[in-house]
PDB file of all heavy atoms in Angstrom:
ATOM      1  N   THR A   1       2.879   0.709   5.197  1.00  0.00           N
ATOM      2  CA  THR A   1       1.657   0.753   4.396  1.00  0.00           C
ATOM      3  C   THR A   1       0.994  -0.622   4.401  1.00  0.00           C
ATOM      4  O   THR A   1       1.610  -1.615   3.978  1.00  0.00           O
ATOM      5  CB  THR A   1       1.951   1.153   2.958  1.00  0.00           C
ATOM      6  OG1 THR A   1       2.539   2.457   2.932  1.00  0.00           O
ATOM      7  CG2 THR A   1       0.666   1.202   2.112  1.00  0.00           C
ATOM      8  N   PRO A   2      -0.249  -0.731   4.895  1.00  0.00           N
ATOM      9  CA  PRO A   2      -0.928  -2.038   4.951  1.00  0.00           C
ATOM     10  C   PRO A   2      -1.415  -2.513   3.584  1.00  0.00           C
ATOM     11  O   PRO A   2      -1.717  -1.708   2.713  1.00  0.00           O
ATOM     12  CB  PRO A   2      -2.092  -1.792   5.886  1.00  0.00           C
ATOM     13  CG  PRO A   2      -2.406  -0.350   5.768  1.00  0.00           C
ATOM     14  CD  PRO A   2      -1.063   0.319   5.479  1.00  0.00           C
ATOM     15  N   ASP A   3      -1.453  -3.843   3.402  1.00  0.00           N
ATOM     16  CA  ASP A   3      -1.997  -4.426   2.198  1.00  0.00           C
ATOM     17  C   ASP A   3      -3.468  -4.765   2.329  1.00  0.00           C
ATOM     18  O   ASP A   3      -4.256  -4.614   1.392  1.00  0.00           O
ATOM     19  CB  ASP A   3      -1.227  -5.691   1.815  1.00  0.00           C
ATOM     20  CG  ASP A   3       0.231  -5.389   1.439  1.00  0.00           C
ATOM     21  OD1 ASP A   3       0.429  -4.347   0.769  1.00  0.00           O
ATOM     22  OD2 ASP A   3       1.117  -6.159   1.793  1.00  0.00           O
ATOM     23  N   ASP A   4      -3.851  -5.283   3.495  1.00  0.00           N
ATOM     24  CA  ASP A   4      -5.261  -5.696   3.683  1.00  0.00           C
ATOM     25  C   ASP A   4      -6.199  -4.488   3.593  1.00  0.00           C
ATOM     26  O   ASP A   4      -5.948  -3.472   4.253  1.00  0.00           O
ATOM     27  CB  ASP A   4      -5.402  -6.379   5.013  1.00  0.00           C
ATOM     28  CG  ASP A   4      -6.797  -6.954   5.231  1.00  0.00           C
ATOM     29  OD1 ASP A   4      -7.686  -6.193   5.700  1.00  0.00           O
ATOM     30  OD2 ASP A   4      -7.016  -8.137   4.901  1.00  0.00           O
ATOM     31  N   PRO A   5      -7.283  -4.546   2.811  1.00  0.00           N
ATOM     32  CA  PRO A   5      -8.153  -3.382   2.638  1.00  0.00           C
ATOM     33  C   PRO A   5      -8.827  -2.942   3.948  1.00  0.00           C
ATOM     34  O   PRO A   5      -9.060  -1.757   4.148  1.00  0.00           O
ATOM     35  CB  PRO A   5      -9.194  -3.865   1.625  1.00  0.00           C
ATOM     36  CG  PRO A   5      -9.096  -5.325   1.596  1.00  0.00           C
ATOM     37  CD  PRO A   5      -7.678  -5.661   1.947  1.00  0.00           C
ATOM     38  N   ARG A   6      -9.155  -3.897   4.821  1.00  0.00           N
ATOM     39  CA  ARG A   6      -9.765  -3.514   6.095  1.00  0.00           C
ATOM     40  C   ARG A   6      -8.760  -2.767   6.964  1.00  0.00           C
ATOM     41  O   ARG A   6      -9.132  -1.751   7.595  1.00  0.00           O
ATOM     42  CB  ARG A   6     -10.298  -4.762   6.812  1.00  0.00           C
ATOM     43  CG  ARG A   6     -11.409  -5.490   6.056  1.00  0.00           C
ATOM     44  CD  ARG A   6     -11.574  -6.888   6.566  1.00  0.00           C
ATOM     45  NE  ARG A   6     -10.393  -7.709   6.293  1.00  0.00           N
ATOM     46  CZ  ARG A   6     -10.260  -8.972   6.659  1.00  0.00           C
ATOM     47  NH1 ARG A   6     -11.249  -9.590   7.342  1.00  0.00           N
ATOM     48  NH2 ARG A   6      -9.162  -9.669   6.366  1.00  0.00           N
ATOM     49  N   LEU A   7      -7.563  -3.246   7.000  1.00  0.00           N
ATOM     50  CA  LEU A   7      -6.528  -2.597   7.767  1.00  0.00           C
ATOM     51  C   LEU A   7      -6.201  -1.229   7.181  1.00  0.00           C
ATOM     52  O   LEU A   7      -5.981  -0.241   7.898  1.00  0.00           O
ATOM     53  CB  LEU A   7      -5.281  -3.447   7.820  1.00  0.00           C
ATOM     54  CG  LEU A   7      -4.252  -3.138   8.932  1.00  0.00           C
ATOM     55  CD1 LEU A   7      -4.886  -3.225  10.283  1.00  0.00           C
ATOM     56  CD2 LEU A   7      -3.075  -4.125   8.799  1.00  0.00           C
ATOM     57  N   ARG A   8      -6.176  -1.146   5.842  1.00  0.00           N
ATOM     58  CA  ARG A   8      -5.918   0.128   5.179  1.00  0.00           C
ATOM     59  C   ARG A   8      -6.991   1.144   5.522  1.00  0.00           C
ATOM     60  O   ARG A   8      -6.720   2.334   5.804  1.00  0.00           O
ATOM     61  CB  ARG A   8      -5.816  -0.078   3.680  1.00  0.00           C
ATOM     62  CG  ARG A   8      -5.277   1.149   2.926  1.00  0.00           C
ATOM     63  CD  ARG A   8      -5.221   0.919   1.419  1.00  0.00           C
ATOM     64  NE  ARG A   8      -4.506  -0.308   1.107  1.00  0.00           N
ATOM     65  CZ  ARG A   8      -5.059  -1.342   0.491  1.00  0.00           C
ATOM     66  NH1 ARG A   8      -6.300  -1.326   0.126  1.00  0.00           N
ATOM     67  NH2 ARG A   8      -4.311  -2.401   0.222  1.00  0.00           N
ATOM     68  N   ALA A   9      -8.275   0.697   5.569  1.00  0.00           N
ATOM     69  CA  ALA A   9      -9.378   1.601   5.894  1.00  0.00           C
ATOM     70  C   ALA A   9      -9.243   2.121   7.311  1.00  0.00           C
ATOM     71  O   ALA A   9      -9.449   3.303   7.606  1.00  0.00           O
ATOM     72  CB  ALA A   9     -10.716   0.903   5.694  1.00  0.00           C
ATOM     73  N   LEU A  10      -8.871   1.238   8.260  1.00  0.00           N
ATOM     74  CA  LEU A  10      -8.685   1.641   9.639  1.00  0.00           C
ATOM     75  C   LEU A  10      -7.540   2.656   9.767  1.00  0.00           C
ATOM     76  O   LEU A  10      -7.697   3.689  10.463  1.00  0.00           O
ATOM     77  CB  LEU A  10      -8.422   0.406  10.495  1.00  0.00           C
ATOM     78  CG  LEU A  10      -8.301   0.597  12.021  1.00  0.00           C
ATOM     79  CD1 LEU A  10      -8.651  -0.718  12.721  1.00  0.00           C
ATOM     80  CD2 LEU A  10      -6.879   1.031  12.433  1.00  0.00           C
ATOM     81  N   CYS A  11      -6.428   2.379   9.119  1.00  0.00           N
ATOM     82  CA  CYS A  11      -5.298   3.294   9.183  1.00  0.00           C
ATOM     83  C   CYS A  11      -5.645   4.670   8.570  1.00  0.00           C
ATOM     84  O   CYS A  11      -5.178   5.700   9.065  1.00  0.00           O
ATOM     85  CB  CYS A  11      -4.093   2.676   8.474  1.00  0.00           C
ATOM     86  SG  CYS A  11      -3.416   1.230   9.304  1.00  0.00           S
ATOM     87  N   GLU A  12      -6.459   4.684   7.534  1.00  0.00           N
ATOM     88  CA  GLU A  12      -6.843   5.968   6.951  1.00  0.00           C
ATOM     89  C   GLU A  12      -7.750   6.755   7.901  1.00  0.00           C
ATOM     90  O   GLU A  12      -7.649   7.984   7.968  1.00  0.00           O
ATOM     91  CB  GLU A  12      -7.568   5.683   5.625  1.00  0.00           C
ATOM     92  CG  GLU A  12      -6.663   5.233   4.497  1.00  0.00           C
ATOM     93  CD  GLU A  12      -7.420   4.845   3.266  1.00  0.00           C
ATOM     94  OE1 GLU A  12      -8.653   4.827   3.295  1.00  0.00           O
ATOM     95  OE2 GLU A  12      -6.752   4.533   2.240  1.00  0.00           O
ATOM     96  N   ILE A  13      -8.588   6.077   8.651  1.00  0.00           N
ATOM     97  CA  ILE A  13      -9.424   6.745   9.640  1.00  0.00           C
ATOM     98  C   ILE A  13      -8.590   7.464  10.679  1.00  0.00           C
ATOM     99  O   ILE A  13      -8.794   8.641  11.010  1.00  0.00           O
ATOM    100  CB  ILE A  13     -10.409   5.743  10.309  1.00  0.00           C
ATOM    101  CG1 ILE A  13     -11.469   5.287   9.325  1.00  0.00           C
ATOM    102  CG2 ILE A  13     -11.079   6.375  11.526  1.00  0.00           C
ATOM    103  CD1 ILE A  13     -12.305   4.094   9.824  1.00  0.00           C
ATOM    104  N   LEU A  14      -7.604   6.745  11.221  1.00  0.00           N
ATOM    105  CA  LEU A  14      -6.790   7.328  12.274  1.00  0.00           C
ATOM    106  C   LEU A  14      -5.794   8.338  11.704  1.00  0.00           C
ATOM    107  O   LEU A  14      -5.409   9.286  12.401  1.00  0.00           O
ATOM    108  CB  LEU A  14      -6.060   6.227  13.030  1.00  0.00           C
ATOM    109  CG  LEU A  14      -6.985   5.301  13.869  1.00  0.00           C
ATOM    110  CD1 LEU A  14      -6.166   4.288  14.660  1.00  0.00           C
ATOM    111  CD2 LEU A  14      -7.911   6.089  14.782  1.00  0.00           C
ATOM    112  N   SER A  15      -5.338   8.139  10.502  1.00  0.00           N
ATOM    113  CA  SER A  15      -4.424   9.124   9.895  1.00  0.00           C
ATOM    114  C   SER A  15      -5.127  10.467   9.707  1.00  0.00           C
ATOM    115  O   SER A  15      -4.509  11.513   9.834  1.00  0.00           O
ATOM    116  CB  SER A  15      -3.921   8.607   8.545  1.00  0.00           C
ATOM    117  OG  SER A  15      -3.073   7.479   8.694  1.00  0.00           O
ATOM    118  N   ALA A  16      -6.420  10.402   9.418  1.00  0.00           N
ATOM    119  CA  ALA A  16      -7.215  11.632   9.264  1.00  0.00           C
ATOM    120  C   ALA A  16      -7.405  12.326  10.606  1.00  0.00           C
ATOM    121  O   ALA A  16      -7.556  13.552  10.643  1.00  0.00           O
ATOM    122  CB  ALA A  16      -8.554  11.337   8.599  1.00  0.00           C
ATOM    123  N   ASP A  17      -7.426  11.583  11.683  1.00  0.00           N
ATOM    124  CA  ASP A  17      -7.633  12.128  13.038  1.00  0.00           C
ATOM    125  C   ASP A  17      -6.904  11.283  14.050  1.00  0.00           C
ATOM    126  O   ASP A  17      -7.467  10.375  14.662  1.00  0.00           O
ATOM    127  CB  ASP A  17      -9.117  12.180  13.370  1.00  0.00           C
ATOM    128  CG  ASP A  17      -9.372  12.802  14.764  1.00  0.00           C
ATOM    129  OD1 ASP A  17      -8.440  13.399  15.285  1.00  0.00           O
ATOM    130  OD2 ASP A  17     -10.500  12.634  15.258  1.00  0.00           O
ATOM    131  N   PRO A  18      -5.600  11.591  14.273  1.00  0.00           N
ATOM    132  CA  PRO A  18      -4.818  10.789  15.240  1.00  0.00           C
ATOM    133  C   PRO A  18      -5.384  10.864  16.661  1.00  0.00           C
ATOM    134  O   PRO A  18      -5.037  10.028  17.490  1.00  0.00           O
ATOM    135  CB  PRO A  18      -3.428  11.398  15.155  1.00  0.00           C
ATOM    136  CG  PRO A  18      -3.367  12.043  13.824  1.00  0.00           C
ATOM    137  CD  PRO A  18      -4.756  12.564  13.582  1.00  0.00           C
ATOM    138  N   ALA A  19      -6.215  11.846  16.958  1.00  0.00           N
ATOM    139  CA  ALA A  19      -6.781  11.994  18.296  1.00  0.00           C
ATOM    140  C   ALA A  19      -7.964  11.076  18.521  1.00  0.00           C
ATOM    141  O   ALA A  19      -8.516  10.998  19.618  1.00  0.00           O
ATOM    142  CB  ALA A  19      -7.205  13.440  18.557  1.00  0.00           C
ATOM    143  N   ASP A  20      -8.393  10.366  17.493  1.00  0.00           N
ATOM    144  CA  ASP A  20      -9.516   9.435  17.607  1.00  0.00           C
ATOM    145  C   ASP A  20      -9.074   8.303  18.583  1.00  0.00           C
ATOM    146  O   ASP A  20      -8.151   7.552  18.280  1.00  0.00           O
ATOM    147  CB  ASP A  20      -9.809   8.836  16.234  1.00  0.00           C
ATOM    148  CG  ASP A  20     -11.059   7.972  16.236  1.00  0.00           C
ATOM    149  OD1 ASP A  20     -11.396   7.410  17.271  1.00  0.00           O
ATOM    150  OD2 ASP A  20     -11.669   7.832  15.144  1.00  0.00           O
ATOM    151  N   ASN A  21      -9.758   8.240  19.716  1.00  0.00           N
ATOM    152  CA  ASN A  21      -9.342   7.302  20.763  1.00  0.00           C
ATOM    153  C   ASN A  21     -10.184   6.050  20.798  1.00  0.00           C
ATOM    154  O   ASN A  21     -10.155   5.318  21.797  1.00  0.00           O
ATOM    155  CB  ASN A  21      -9.387   7.986  22.135  1.00  0.00           C
ATOM    156  CG  ASN A  21      -8.166   8.829  22.421  1.00  0.00           C
ATOM    157  OD1 ASN A  21      -7.049   8.398  22.152  1.00  0.00           O
ATOM    158  ND2 ASN A  21      -8.386  10.032  22.880  1.00  0.00           N
ATOM    159  N   ARG A  22     -10.936   5.757  19.734  1.00  0.00           N
ATOM    160  CA  ARG A  22     -11.745   4.546  19.734  1.00  0.00           C
ATOM    161  C   ARG A  22     -10.888   3.288  19.857  1.00  0.00           C
ATOM    162  O   ARG A  22      -9.752   3.244  19.407  1.00  0.00           O
ATOM    163  CB  ARG A  22     -12.561   4.468  18.431  1.00  0.00           C
ATOM    164  CG  ARG A  22     -13.811   5.324  18.450  1.00  0.00           C
ATOM    165  CD  ARG A  22     -14.603   5.218  17.176  1.00  0.00           C
ATOM    166  NE  ARG A  22     -13.921   5.926  16.083  1.00  0.00           N
ATOM    167  CZ  ARG A  22     -14.416   5.950  14.833  1.00  0.00           C
ATOM    168  NH1 ARG A  22     -15.539   5.329  14.537  1.00  0.00           N
ATOM    169  NH2 ARG A  22     -13.730   6.606  13.889  1.00  0.00           N
ATOM    170  N   THR A  23     -11.480   2.292  20.490  1.00  0.00           N
ATOM    171  CA  THR A  23     -10.774   1.038  20.668  1.00  0.00           C
ATOM    172  C   THR A  23     -10.664   0.286  19.342  1.00  0.00           C
ATOM    173  O   THR A  23     -11.368   0.638  18.392  1.00  0.00           O
ATOM    174  CB  THR A  23     -11.526   0.130  21.673  1.00  0.00           C
ATOM    175  OG1 THR A  23     -12.802  -0.200  21.142  1.00  0.00           O
ATOM    176  CG2 THR A  23     -11.697   0.821  23.034  1.00  0.00           C
ATOM    177  N   LEU A  24      -9.842  -0.760  19.328  1.00  0.00           N
ATOM    178  CA  LEU A  24      -9.702  -1.565  18.112  1.00  0.00           C
ATOM    179  C   LEU A  24     -11.035  -2.235  17.789  1.00  0.00           C
ATOM    180  O   LEU A  24     -11.396  -2.381  16.611  1.00  0.00           O
ATOM    181  CB  LEU A  24      -8.583  -2.579  18.304  1.00  0.00           C
ATOM    182  CG  LEU A  24      -8.185  -3.384  17.066  1.00  0.00           C
ATOM    183  CD1 LEU A  24      -7.769  -2.452  15.927  1.00  0.00           C
ATOM    184  CD2 LEU A  24      -7.061  -4.349  17.405  1.00  0.00           C
ATOM    185  N   ALA A  25     -11.788  -2.641  18.813  1.00  0.00           N
ATOM    186  CA  ALA A  25     -13.089  -3.267  18.591  1.00  0.00           C
ATOM    187  C   ALA A  25     -14.059  -2.282  17.932  1.00  0.00           C
ATOM    188  O   ALA A  25     -14.777  -2.647  16.992  1.00  0.00           O
ATOM    189  CB  ALA A  25     -13.660  -3.781  19.903  1.00  0.00           C
ATOM    190  N   ALA A  26     -14.068  -1.042  18.417  1.00  0.00           N
ATOM    191  CA  ALA A  26     -14.972  -0.045  17.829  1.00  0.00           C
ATOM    192  C   ALA A  26     -14.583   0.312  16.410  1.00  0.00           C
ATOM    193  O   ALA A  26     -15.431   0.451  15.519  1.00  0.00           O
ATOM    194  CB  ALA A  26     -14.966   1.221  18.715  1.00  0.00           C
ATOM    195  N   LEU A  27     -13.308   0.403  16.166  1.00  0.00           N
ATOM    196  CA  LEU A  27     -12.817   0.671  14.780  1.00  0.00           C
ATOM    197  C   LEU A  27     -13.127  -0.517  13.885  1.00  0.00           C
ATOM    198  O   LEU A  27     -13.422  -0.359  12.726  1.00  0.00           O
ATOM    199  CB  LEU A  27     -11.337   0.989  14.804  1.00  0.00           C
ATOM    200  CG  LEU A  27     -10.955   2.332  15.440  1.00  0.00           C
ATOM    201  CD1 LEU A  27      -9.456   2.359  15.785  1.00  0.00           C
ATOM    202  CD2 LEU A  27     -11.339   3.472  14.534  1.00  0.00           C
ATOM    203  N   GLY A  28     -13.022  -1.727  14.432  1.00  0.00           N
ATOM    204  CA  GLY A  28     -13.333  -2.917  13.651  1.00  0.00           C
ATOM    205  C   GLY A  28     -14.737  -2.932  13.181  1.00  0.00           C
ATOM    206  O   GLY A  28     -15.051  -3.366  12.059  1.00  0.00           O
ATOM    207  N   ALA A  29     -15.670  -2.476  14.049  1.00  0.00           N
ATOM    208  CA  ALA A  29     -17.077  -2.400  13.636  1.00  0.00           C
ATOM    209  C   ALA A  29     -17.267  -1.453  12.479  1.00  0.00           C
ATOM    210  O   ALA A  29     -18.139  -1.646  11.629  1.00  0.00           O
ATOM    211  CB  ALA A  29     -17.944  -1.973  14.826  1.00  0.00           C
ATOM    212  N   ARG A  30     -16.427  -0.428  12.422  1.00  0.00           N
ATOM    213  CA  ARG A  30     -16.489   0.570  11.336  1.00  0.00           C
ATOM    214  C   ARG A  30     -15.971  -0.019  10.025  1.00  0.00           C
ATOM    215  O   ARG A  30     -16.520   0.280   8.954  1.00  0.00           O
ATOM    216  CB  ARG A  30     -15.678   1.799  11.745  1.00  0.00           C
ATOM    217  CG  ARG A  30     -15.563   2.871  10.667  1.00  0.00           C
ATOM    218  CD  ARG A  30     -16.845   3.674  10.475  1.00  0.00           C
ATOM    219  NE  ARG A  30     -16.659   4.665   9.463  1.00  0.00           N
ATOM    220  CZ  ARG A  30     -16.147   5.890   9.655  1.00  0.00           C
ATOM    221  NH1 ARG A  30     -15.770   6.251  10.896  1.00  0.00           N
ATOM    222  NH2 ARG A  30     -16.010   6.734   8.671  1.00  0.00           N
ATOM    223  N   VAL A  31     -14.956  -0.845  10.057  1.00  0.00           N
ATOM    224  CA  VAL A  31     -14.332  -1.336   8.817  1.00  0.00           C
ATOM    225  C   VAL A  31     -14.746  -2.785   8.480  1.00  0.00           C
ATOM    226  O   VAL A  31     -14.302  -3.339   7.477  1.00  0.00           O
ATOM    227  CB  VAL A  31     -12.783  -1.233   8.906  1.00  0.00           C
ATOM    228  CG1 VAL A  31     -12.347   0.199   9.157  1.00  0.00           C
ATOM    229  CG2 VAL A  31     -12.216  -2.176   9.971  1.00  0.00           C
ATOM    230  N   GLY A  32     -15.564  -3.365   9.320  1.00  0.00           N
ATOM    231  CA  GLY A  32     -16.072  -4.708   9.010  1.00  0.00           C
ATOM    232  C   GLY A  32     -15.113  -5.856   9.337  1.00  0.00           C
ATOM    233  O   GLY A  32     -15.004  -6.816   8.554  1.00  0.00           O
ATOM    234  N   ALA A  33     -14.457  -5.775  10.470  1.00  0.00           N
ATOM    235  CA  ALA A  33     -13.529  -6.829  10.893  1.00  0.00           C
ATOM    236  C   ALA A  33     -13.573  -6.899  12.405  1.00  0.00           C
ATOM    237  O   ALA A  33     -13.740  -5.895  13.101  1.00  0.00           O
ATOM    238  CB  ALA A  33     -12.105  -6.599  10.398  1.00  0.00           C
ATOM    239  N   SER A  34     -13.330  -8.084  12.965  1.00  0.00           N
ATOM    240  CA  SER A  34     -13.367  -8.257  14.406  1.00  0.00           C
ATOM    241  C   SER A  34     -12.061  -7.701  15.005  1.00  0.00           C
ATOM    242  O   SER A  34     -11.026  -7.559  14.316  1.00  0.00           O
ATOM    243  CB  SER A  34     -13.509  -9.726  14.772  1.00  0.00           C
ATOM    244  OG  SER A  34     -12.332 -10.451  14.413  1.00  0.00           O
ATOM    245  N   GLU A  35     -12.106  -7.455  16.303  1.00  0.00           N
ATOM    246  CA  GLU A  35     -10.914  -6.998  17.015  1.00  0.00           C
ATOM    247  C   GLU A  35      -9.799  -8.025  16.876  1.00  0.00           C
ATOM    248  O   GLU A  35      -8.620  -7.659  16.651  1.00  0.00           O
ATOM    249  CB  GLU A  35     -11.239  -6.753  18.486  1.00  0.00           C
ATOM    250  CG  GLU A  35     -10.061  -6.305  19.308  1.00  0.00           C
ATOM    251  CD  GLU A  35     -10.421  -6.105  20.773  1.00  0.00           C
ATOM    252  OE1 GLU A  35     -11.520  -6.491  21.185  1.00  0.00           O
ATOM    253  OE2 GLU A  35      -9.566  -5.534  21.516  1.00  0.00           O
ATOM    254  N   ARG A  36     -10.146  -9.306  17.008  1.00  0.00           N
ATOM    255  CA  ARG A  36      -9.135 -10.345  16.943  1.00  0.00           C
ATOM    256  C   ARG A  36      -8.479 -10.417  15.569  1.00  0.00           C
ATOM    257  O   ARG A  36      -7.273 -10.551  15.446  1.00  0.00           O
ATOM    258  CB  ARG A  36      -9.790 -11.688  17.266  1.00  0.00           C
ATOM    259  CG  ARG A  36      -8.837 -12.868  17.326  1.00  0.00           C
ATOM    260  CD  ARG A  36      -9.543 -14.102  17.811  1.00  0.00           C
ATOM    261  NE  ARG A  36      -8.642 -15.259  17.873  1.00  0.00           N
ATOM    262  CZ  ARG A  36      -8.981 -16.434  18.325  1.00  0.00           C
ATOM    263  NH1 ARG A  36     -10.241 -16.651  18.755  1.00  0.00           N
ATOM    264  NH2 ARG A  36      -8.112 -17.416  18.376  1.00  0.00           N
ATOM    265  N   THR A  37      -9.312 -10.268  14.512  1.00  0.00           N
ATOM    266  CA  THR A  37      -8.799 -10.279  13.163  1.00  0.00           C
ATOM    267  C   THR A  37      -7.848  -9.127  12.912  1.00  0.00           C
ATOM    268  O   THR A  37      -6.750  -9.274  12.353  1.00  0.00           O
ATOM    269  CB  THR A  37      -9.939 -10.262  12.141  1.00  0.00           C
ATOM    270  OG1 THR A  37     -10.684 -11.451  12.275  1.00  0.00           O
ATOM    271  CG2 THR A  37      -9.399 -10.150  10.700  1.00  0.00           C
ATOM    272  N   LEU A  38      -8.242  -7.925  13.361  1.00  0.00           N
ATOM    273  CA  LEU A  38      -7.410  -6.754  13.138  1.00  0.00           C
ATOM    274  C   LEU A  38      -6.096  -6.836  13.946  1.00  0.00           C
ATOM    275  O   LEU A  38      -5.056  -6.430  13.448  1.00  0.00           O
ATOM    276  CB  LEU A  38      -8.187  -5.502  13.528  1.00  0.00           C
ATOM    277  CG  LEU A  38      -9.328  -5.107  12.599  1.00  0.00           C
ATOM    278  CD1 LEU A  38     -10.136  -3.944  13.182  1.00  0.00           C
ATOM    279  CD2 LEU A  38      -8.803  -4.722  11.232  1.00  0.00           C
ATOM    280  N   ALA A  39      -6.178  -7.336  15.153  1.00  0.00           N
ATOM    281  CA  ALA A  39      -4.968  -7.495  15.958  1.00  0.00           C
ATOM    282  C   ALA A  39      -4.001  -8.431  15.244  1.00  0.00           C
ATOM    283  O   ALA A  39      -2.760  -8.177  15.211  1.00  0.00           O
ATOM    284  CB  ALA A  39      -5.283  -8.032  17.334  1.00  0.00           C
ATOM    285  N   ARG A  40      -4.508  -9.490  14.679  1.00  0.00           N
ATOM    286  CA  ARG A  40      -3.678 -10.433  13.927  1.00  0.00           C
ATOM    287  C   ARG A  40      -3.070  -9.771  12.689  1.00  0.00           C
ATOM    288  O   ARG A  40      -1.886  -9.958  12.372  1.00  0.00           O
ATOM    289  CB  ARG A  40      -4.492 -11.658  13.534  1.00  0.00           C
ATOM    290  CG  ARG A  40      -3.700 -12.670  12.687  1.00  0.00           C
ATOM    291  CD  ARG A  40      -4.582 -13.872  12.334  1.00  0.00           C
ATOM    292  NE  ARG A  40      -5.797 -13.475  11.669  1.00  0.00           N
ATOM    293  CZ  ARG A  40      -5.899 -13.180  10.353  1.00  0.00           C
ATOM    294  NH1 ARG A  40      -4.795 -13.186   9.606  1.00  0.00           N
ATOM    295  NH2 ARG A  40      -7.032 -12.869   9.825  1.00  0.00           N
TER     296      ARG A  40
END
């Protein structure tokens, strides 16, 4: 379970639809964080 709210929002998106194949960069644009930040 993630603590960071941006990471939590991303995980909730994919948990709702595991078939979502968007890249980390595209998901980052949705949750307001860069790909580099989310990878870290």
